[in-house]
Every structure is written in C-alpha cells, then in structure tokens.
Amino acid sequence: MSDFKQEQIRYPASRITEVAKALSGDLRVRILEALGEKPMSVSQLAEALGAAQPTMTINIQMLEQAGLIVSAPGANREKICSVPCKTILLELPVRPGDGLHRMEEIHMPIGMYSFCRIEPTCGMAGKDGAPIGSIDDPRVFYMPERTDASLLWFSGTGSVEYYFPNPIPPGVPLDELRIAAEVCSEAPSFDMNFPSDISLFVNDRLVGTWRSPGDFGDRKGKLTPDRWFNGTEYGMLTEWKVTKDGGYAGGARTSGTTLADLALHYREPIRVRFEVSEDAECKGGLNLFGSGFGDYPQDIVMSFVRTGER
C-alpha cells in the first residue's frame, strides 16, 4: 500500500470545478485506484490499464493540476506517480462568488475578434510563420482561417474588437479588470523608433492609450517561428486595467474611466477594442501577437480581480 504524504487534503470552494473535472473521467478514477497500491511510472500505468501512453500522459496531467496525484523523476528520467492522500475534503460555496478564484482569467486567441476596421498594409500569420491568405488584402480578416492567427497587423489607423464572457455573477464585487497583450507598432519591415498610440476601449469607454516606441525586429522573437522573416519579431507585454478609481495603461493612470462606467452585465459580452485612432498623435499601426509568436506564450488575457474580504 502507498505511504500517503498526508491523510487529507482540503480544497476551497474555488477549486470544486477543477477537482470535479479531474474526477469525471473513468480512466482517471482507474489511475487513482492503481496508484492506491504503490507508486507507478507512466508506462507502467499505461500497461496496467490498457491505455496508450499519450492518453495516459494527458489524464495524469489533469490529475496533477488538481493536486490529486504527484510525480517525481525516477530511473531513466521516467515520471513516477503517486497519490498524496487518501481523503479529500471539498468546501461547498455558501455565497455568490465562493466558487471563483481571486483572479479569474480568460484567454482569447487573437484571431477570434468579432469586428475589425482594417486598411492595407495589413495581414496575418499562423503559428508556423506562413501568411494566412494574401498580405495587404483586408479580405483576409474575414476568412475562417483567421481563427488560427498568431500574428496580425495593420498600418496607420484601425481597430480589432473582441467579445469576452463575464464570469462574475451579479452581486459579486469586482476590484479590477485587466487586459494584457503583446503589442507593438507596425512599420515597413521594422523600425525600432516608430511610435504608435495604441488605445484600448472596454464597452466603448476609453481605458487608456499606450505609446508603443517602435516596431521591433532587431532580434528573433523567442517564440517566433524560423519560417517568419517579414521584419517584425516581438512586441512588449502591455497591460491596461480599470479600477474603481480610473483607467491605467502600462502602469500609468490614463483616464477617469471606472469599473462602474463600464456597465458590466453578467449575461452580456464585454467588448474590448484595440485601436489606433484617427485623432491619435502617432498613427503608427499595430502588431498584435498570439501565443505562438513574439516573446510571450500568451494570447490576449482578461483578468477579473477580487482583492476585498469575502
């Protein structure tokens, strides 16, 4: 029988969904049964349970993420899995918001915009670095393949708008709404000194304008595929946020827009628009990076932050 590291693990209400998902698969329950007797490697589990090793690896990762199993390197670098406890205790939610984390995040692929206003020069590229459709053809932005984009760009002025769901139920206080994305200007080839005023709007309210210093191509982006050779390589990870006191861009207070001004509703989408406006001082376009391009392994991230006492 396994030597359990502890008798019981207590899970807060905010992790109920995570644990329930991990326990909802028959194979994952069988993995726990097998590990109840002794620690086993991934290959041993695959053989014992009659599952392919890639399938076993995916299911083990789900159990690990929920804290229901732990793993350590064994001989020949093989992963050895074990069960950390024999009992779990789930706390039930007792008030609205108890089932949420202090920070809820939604990751939006950059190609999943709902509206755009684009003029040449413009284009999109996939994770392999190959262009999607024809470069400098705005019609590309309406092609179904746009959902696979890992980089999109336009010069001059324009915008892309995304619809995010609202996970915060009515009556649950929200302290901050944050939007983070890797962005930079768009110049011919690239230009390290090519400013662009990139504004972010939420529900048509201006959160703030961040001035990108340039279009960065002096080195290879950490995630940018080798096949890509069109100049722009990486951006800057930039955060906009709205609090009860105002809007911020790049860490500086940039507007008087507050959370109350956004009029967030549980059953309505939150509309987020990246824009280089016609009245901007620096109309240097926009490059927007997804998880497979640039320096940061992320798409657009919206974070709902609750810091107050519950």
Protein backbone atom coordinates (compact mmCIF):
# COMPACT_ATOMS: atom_id res chain seq x y z
CA MET A 1 0.00 0.00 0.00
CA SER A 2 1.25 3.54 -0.78
CA ASP A 3 2.58 5.66 2.05
CA PHE A 4 0.36 8.71 1.85
CA LYS A 5 2.09 12.05 2.45
CA GLN A 6 -0.96 13.22 4.41
CA GLU A 7 -4.29 11.78 5.46
CA GLN A 8 -6.46 14.53 3.99
CA ILE A 9 -6.31 17.43 1.53
CA ARG A 10 -8.77 20.25 1.97
CA TYR A 11 -9.97 22.06 -1.16
CA PRO A 12 -11.60 25.52 -1.02
CA ALA A 13 -14.86 26.11 -2.87
CA SER A 14 -12.95 27.90 -5.65
CA ARG A 15 -11.36 24.57 -6.70
CA ILE A 16 -14.51 22.43 -6.79
CA THR A 17 -14.89 22.65 -10.57
CA GLU A 18 -11.23 21.80 -11.14
CA VAL A 19 -11.37 18.73 -8.89
CA ALA A 20 -14.74 17.63 -10.26
CA LYS A 21 -13.42 17.73 -13.84
CA ALA A 22 -10.38 15.69 -12.85
CA LEU A 23 -12.58 13.03 -11.24
CA SER A 24 -15.18 12.95 -14.02
CA GLY A 25 -13.30 10.52 -16.28
CA ASP A 26 -13.40 6.77 -15.80
CA LEU A 27 -9.72 6.39 -16.78
CA ARG A 28 -8.62 8.97 -14.24
CA VAL A 29 -10.53 7.16 -11.48
CA ARG A 30 -8.81 3.94 -12.52
CA ILE A 31 -5.44 5.70 -12.34
CA LEU A 32 -6.16 6.65 -8.73
CA GLU A 33 -7.16 3.06 -8.00
CA ALA A 34 -3.92 1.74 -9.46
CA LEU A 35 -1.79 4.21 -7.51
CA GLY A 36 -3.56 3.32 -4.27
CA GLU A 37 -1.38 0.22 -4.00
CA LYS A 38 2.01 1.64 -4.97
CA PRO A 39 3.68 4.42 -6.99
CA MET A 40 3.91 3.63 -10.70
CA SER A 41 5.56 5.10 -13.78
CA VAL A 42 3.54 6.43 -16.70
CA SER A 43 4.47 3.42 -18.83
CA GLN A 44 3.51 1.02 -16.03
CA LEU A 45 0.13 2.72 -15.68
CA ALA A 46 -0.41 2.58 -19.44
CA GLU A 47 0.33 -1.15 -19.48
CA ALA A 48 -1.73 -1.93 -16.39
CA LEU A 49 -4.78 -0.02 -17.58
CA GLY A 50 -4.52 -0.84 -21.27
CA ALA A 51 -4.27 2.78 -22.45
CA ALA A 52 -1.92 4.41 -24.94
CA GLN A 53 0.90 6.34 -23.30
CA PRO A 54 -0.06 9.74 -24.81
CA THR A 55 -3.61 9.26 -23.50
CA MET A 56 -2.24 8.32 -20.10
CA THR A 57 0.02 11.39 -20.02
CA ILE A 58 -2.89 13.77 -20.72
CA ASN A 59 -5.05 12.24 -17.97
CA ILE A 60 -2.19 12.25 -15.48
CA GLN A 61 -1.65 15.96 -16.15
CA MET A 62 -5.29 16.68 -15.30
CA LEU A 63 -4.96 14.81 -12.01
CA GLU A 64 -1.69 16.59 -11.23
CA GLN A 65 -3.19 20.01 -11.90
CA ALA A 66 -5.96 19.22 -9.43
CA GLY A 67 -3.41 18.04 -6.86
CA LEU A 68 -4.87 14.53 -6.79
CA ILE A 69 -1.59 12.90 -7.76
CA VAL A 70 2.04 14.00 -7.54
CA SER A 71 5.02 12.93 -9.61
CA ALA A 72 8.79 12.81 -9.32
CA PRO A 73 11.59 11.77 -11.70
CA GLY A 74 12.60 8.12 -11.40
CA ALA A 75 15.20 5.94 -13.03
CA ASN A 76 15.93 6.72 -16.68
CA ARG A 77 14.14 10.06 -16.24
CA GLU A 78 10.77 8.32 -16.21
CA LYS A 79 7.98 10.03 -14.33
CA ILE A 80 6.87 8.20 -11.17
CA CYS A 81 3.33 8.99 -9.99
CA SER A 82 1.83 8.58 -6.54
CA VAL A 83 -1.23 9.63 -4.57
CA PRO A 84 -0.56 12.30 -1.89
CA CYS A 85 -3.52 11.48 0.38
CA LYS A 86 -6.33 9.02 0.90
CA THR A 87 -9.13 11.53 1.61
CA ILE A 88 -10.15 14.88 0.13
CA LEU A 89 -12.49 17.42 1.70
CA LEU A 90 -14.39 19.80 -0.58
CA GLU A 91 -15.74 23.02 0.88
CA LEU A 92 -19.10 23.92 -0.66
CA PRO A 93 -19.79 27.50 -1.75
CA VAL A 94 -22.14 29.33 0.61
CA ARG A 95 -22.42 32.74 -1.11
CA PRO A 96 -22.15 34.15 -4.65
CA GLY A 97 -18.54 34.18 -5.82
CA ASP A 98 -17.28 31.48 -3.43
CA GLY A 99 -16.75 29.15 -6.38
CA LEU A 100 -14.47 31.65 -8.13
CA HIS A 101 -10.75 32.20 -7.79
CA ARG A 102 -9.47 35.55 -6.54
CA MET A 103 -8.34 36.07 -10.12
CA GLU A 104 -10.36 34.57 -12.96
CA GLU A 105 -8.66 34.63 -16.36
CA ILE A 106 -10.00 34.29 -19.90
CA HIS A 107 -7.52 33.73 -22.74
CA MET A 108 -8.68 34.97 -26.15
CA PRO A 109 -6.89 33.88 -29.35
CA ILE A 110 -6.03 36.96 -31.39
CA GLY A 111 -7.90 35.66 -34.45
CA MET A 112 -11.20 35.40 -32.55
CA TYR A 113 -12.18 39.04 -32.96
CA SER A 114 -15.81 39.95 -33.61
CA PHE A 115 -15.29 43.15 -35.56
CA CYS A 116 -12.40 44.89 -37.31
CA ARG A 117 -11.61 48.04 -39.24
CA ILE A 118 -8.52 47.37 -41.34
CA GLU A 119 -6.75 49.07 -44.26
CA PRO A 120 -3.54 48.00 -46.06
CA THR A 121 -0.81 47.43 -45.26
CA CYS A 122 -2.10 44.55 -43.20
CA GLY A 123 -2.02 40.80 -42.77
CA MET A 124 -1.98 37.73 -40.56
CA ALA A 125 0.31 34.77 -39.99
CA GLY A 126 -0.21 31.36 -38.42
CA LYS A 127 1.86 29.59 -35.77
CA ASP A 128 4.13 28.15 -38.45
CA GLY A 129 5.02 31.64 -39.67
CA ALA A 130 3.22 31.25 -43.01
CA PRO A 131 0.94 34.10 -44.10
CA ILE A 132 -2.80 33.49 -43.90
CA GLY A 133 -4.21 34.38 -47.30
CA SER A 134 -2.65 37.31 -49.15
CA ILE A 135 -0.68 40.02 -47.40
CA ASP A 136 -2.14 43.55 -47.71
CA ASP A 137 -5.60 42.20 -48.57
CA PRO A 138 -8.14 43.30 -45.91
CA ARG A 139 -10.48 40.48 -47.01
CA VAL A 140 -8.15 38.08 -45.19
CA PHE A 141 -9.52 39.45 -41.92
CA TYR A 142 -12.91 37.90 -42.75
CA MET A 143 -11.62 34.47 -43.77
CA PRO A 144 -12.42 31.49 -41.48
CA GLU A 145 -8.67 30.75 -41.27
CA ARG A 146 -8.23 33.94 -39.26
CA THR A 147 -9.06 31.98 -36.11
CA ASP A 148 -5.64 30.27 -36.43
CA ALA A 149 -3.72 33.57 -36.48
CA SER A 150 -0.75 34.03 -34.16
CA LEU A 151 0.17 37.45 -35.51
CA LEU A 152 -1.97 40.18 -37.03
CA TRP A 153 -1.00 43.64 -38.11
CA PHE A 154 -2.21 46.82 -39.77
CA SER A 155 -0.50 50.13 -40.52
CA GLY A 156 -1.78 53.63 -39.89
CA THR A 157 -5.13 53.60 -38.11
CA GLY A 158 -7.61 50.79 -37.49
CA SER A 159 -9.04 48.51 -34.83
CA VAL A 160 -9.90 44.95 -33.80
CA GLU A 161 -12.63 44.19 -31.27
CA TYR A 162 -13.15 41.06 -29.13
CA TYR A 163 -16.13 39.82 -27.13
CA PHE A 164 -15.30 38.29 -23.74
CA PRO A 165 -17.77 36.47 -21.46
CA ASN A 166 -18.30 37.77 -17.95
CA PRO A 167 -17.70 35.06 -15.29
CA ILE A 168 -18.59 37.30 -12.31
CA PRO A 169 -22.17 36.70 -11.08
CA PRO A 170 -24.44 39.59 -10.05
CA GLY A 171 -23.72 40.86 -6.56
CA VAL A 172 -20.08 39.71 -6.50
CA PRO A 173 -17.77 42.72 -6.09
CA LEU A 174 -15.02 43.24 -8.65
CA ASP A 175 -11.94 45.31 -7.83
CA GLU A 176 -10.01 45.34 -11.11
CA LEU A 177 -10.47 44.38 -14.74
CA ARG A 178 -7.16 43.81 -16.53
CA ILE A 179 -6.36 43.21 -20.19
CA ALA A 180 -2.84 42.16 -21.20
CA ALA A 181 -1.45 41.62 -24.69
CA GLU A 182 1.87 41.63 -26.52
CA VAL A 183 1.79 44.56 -28.94
CA CYS A 184 4.00 46.95 -30.90
CA SER A 185 3.82 49.42 -33.80
CA GLU A 186 3.71 48.45 -37.49
CA ALA A 187 6.34 49.96 -39.80
CA PRO A 188 7.62 48.86 -43.21
CA SER A 189 9.90 45.87 -42.44
CA PHE A 190 10.65 47.07 -38.89
CA ASP A 191 11.70 50.29 -37.22
CA MET A 192 12.80 50.42 -33.58
CA ASN A 193 11.89 54.14 -33.47
CA PHE A 194 8.36 54.22 -34.89
CA PRO A 195 5.86 55.32 -32.21
CA SER A 196 2.20 54.42 -32.27
CA ASP A 197 -0.57 55.41 -29.87
CA ILE A 198 -2.45 52.18 -29.14
CA SER A 199 -5.71 52.74 -27.29
CA LEU A 200 -7.86 50.19 -25.52
CA PHE A 201 -11.62 50.58 -25.15
CA VAL A 202 -13.94 48.45 -23.00
CA ASN A 203 -17.62 48.69 -23.85
CA ASP A 204 -16.75 51.77 -25.92
CA ARG A 205 -15.18 53.53 -22.93
CA LEU A 206 -11.53 54.56 -23.29
CA VAL A 207 -9.37 52.83 -20.69
CA GLY A 208 -6.11 54.33 -21.82
CA THR A 209 -3.63 54.96 -24.61
CA TRP A 210 -0.18 53.41 -24.54
CA ARG A 211 2.55 54.73 -26.82
CA SER A 212 4.49 51.91 -28.41
CA PRO A 213 8.06 53.10 -29.05
CA GLY A 214 8.53 51.10 -32.25
CA ASP A 215 8.18 48.00 -34.38
CA PHE A 216 10.69 45.51 -33.02
CA GLY A 217 12.76 43.37 -35.36
CA ASP A 218 16.38 43.76 -34.19
CA ARG A 219 16.45 40.13 -32.98
CA LYS A 220 14.44 36.95 -33.32
CA GLY A 221 11.36 36.71 -31.12
CA LYS A 222 11.70 33.98 -28.51
CA LEU A 223 8.65 32.16 -29.90
CA THR A 224 8.60 33.49 -33.47
CA PRO A 225 8.91 30.60 -35.95
CA ASP A 226 12.05 30.38 -38.10
CA ARG A 227 9.93 30.49 -41.22
CA TRP A 228 8.86 34.05 -40.45
CA PHE A 229 11.16 36.67 -41.99
CA ASN A 230 8.95 39.71 -42.56
CA GLY A 231 10.65 42.13 -40.16
CA THR A 232 8.51 42.31 -37.01
CA GLU A 233 9.69 39.75 -34.44
CA TYR A 234 8.34 40.63 -30.99
CA GLY A 235 6.36 43.16 -29.01
CA MET A 236 6.02 44.45 -25.47
CA LEU A 237 3.70 42.79 -22.97
CA THR A 238 1.39 45.66 -22.09
CA GLU A 239 -1.38 45.80 -19.51
CA TRP A 240 -4.44 48.00 -19.39
CA LYS A 241 -6.65 47.94 -16.30
CA VAL A 242 -9.78 49.53 -14.92
CA THR A 243 -10.30 50.00 -11.19
CA LYS A 244 -12.86 51.76 -9.04
CA ASP A 245 -10.72 54.89 -9.36
CA GLY A 246 -9.82 55.05 -13.06
CA GLY A 247 -8.14 53.52 -16.09
CA TYR A 248 -4.45 52.63 -16.47
CA ALA A 249 -2.18 51.77 -19.40
CA GLY A 250 1.37 50.49 -18.96
CA GLY A 251 1.24 51.24 -15.24
CA ALA A 252 0.25 54.92 -15.62
CA ARG A 253 -3.18 56.38 -14.92
CA THR A 254 -4.55 57.40 -18.29
CA SER A 255 -8.28 58.03 -17.91
CA GLY A 256 -11.10 58.61 -15.46
CA THR A 257 -12.97 55.52 -16.69
CA THR A 258 -14.02 53.41 -13.70
CA LEU A 259 -15.50 49.94 -13.31
CA ALA A 260 -18.91 51.50 -12.76
CA ASP A 261 -18.60 53.33 -16.10
CA LEU A 262 -18.16 50.01 -17.94
CA ALA A 263 -21.71 48.89 -17.01
CA LEU A 264 -20.69 45.23 -16.89
CA HIS A 265 -23.57 42.75 -17.05
CA TYR A 266 -23.36 39.02 -16.34
CA ARG A 267 -25.32 37.98 -19.44
CA GLU A 268 -23.77 40.44 -21.86
CA PRO A 269 -20.35 40.30 -23.54
CA ILE A 270 -17.52 42.57 -22.51
CA ARG A 271 -16.34 44.31 -25.69
CA VAL A 272 -12.61 45.01 -25.86
CA ARG A 273 -11.22 47.08 -28.74
CA PHE A 274 -7.59 47.69 -29.63
CA GLU A 275 -7.43 50.84 -31.75
CA VAL A 276 -5.09 53.31 -33.35
CA SER A 277 -7.49 56.24 -33.63
CA GLU A 278 -7.84 58.74 -36.43
CA ASP A 279 -7.13 61.54 -33.95
CA ALA A 280 -4.06 59.82 -32.45
CA GLU A 281 -0.87 61.89 -32.36
CA CYS A 282 1.20 58.90 -33.54
CA LYS A 283 -0.61 56.78 -36.15
CA GLY A 284 1.97 54.00 -36.32
CA GLY A 285 -0.29 50.99 -36.69
CA LEU A 286 -0.43 47.83 -34.60
CA ASN A 287 1.10 44.36 -34.37
CA LEU A 288 -0.81 42.02 -32.07
CA PHE A 289 0.92 38.78 -31.05
CA GLY A 290 -0.63 35.44 -30.12
CA SER A 291 0.77 32.56 -28.10
CA GLY A 292 2.99 31.24 -30.92
CA PHE A 293 4.72 34.50 -31.85
CA GLY A 294 6.89 37.11 -30.18
CA ASP A 295 8.36 36.81 -26.68
CA TYR A 296 5.39 35.79 -24.53
CA PRO A 297 3.45 32.47 -24.65
CA GLN A 298 0.01 34.03 -24.35
CA ASP A 299 -2.88 35.39 -26.34
CA ILE A 300 -5.00 38.30 -25.08
CA VAL A 301 -5.68 37.77 -21.37
CA MET A 302 -8.56 39.33 -19.49
CA SER A 303 -8.30 39.06 -15.69
CA PHE A 304 -11.11 39.65 -13.20
CA VAL A 305 -9.50 40.54 -9.86
CA ARG A 306 -11.20 40.46 -6.49
CA THR A 307 -8.99 41.64 -3.63
CA GLY A 308 -11.55 42.55 -0.96
CA GLU A 309 -12.58 40.42 2.00
CA ARG A 310 -15.26 37.84 1.35
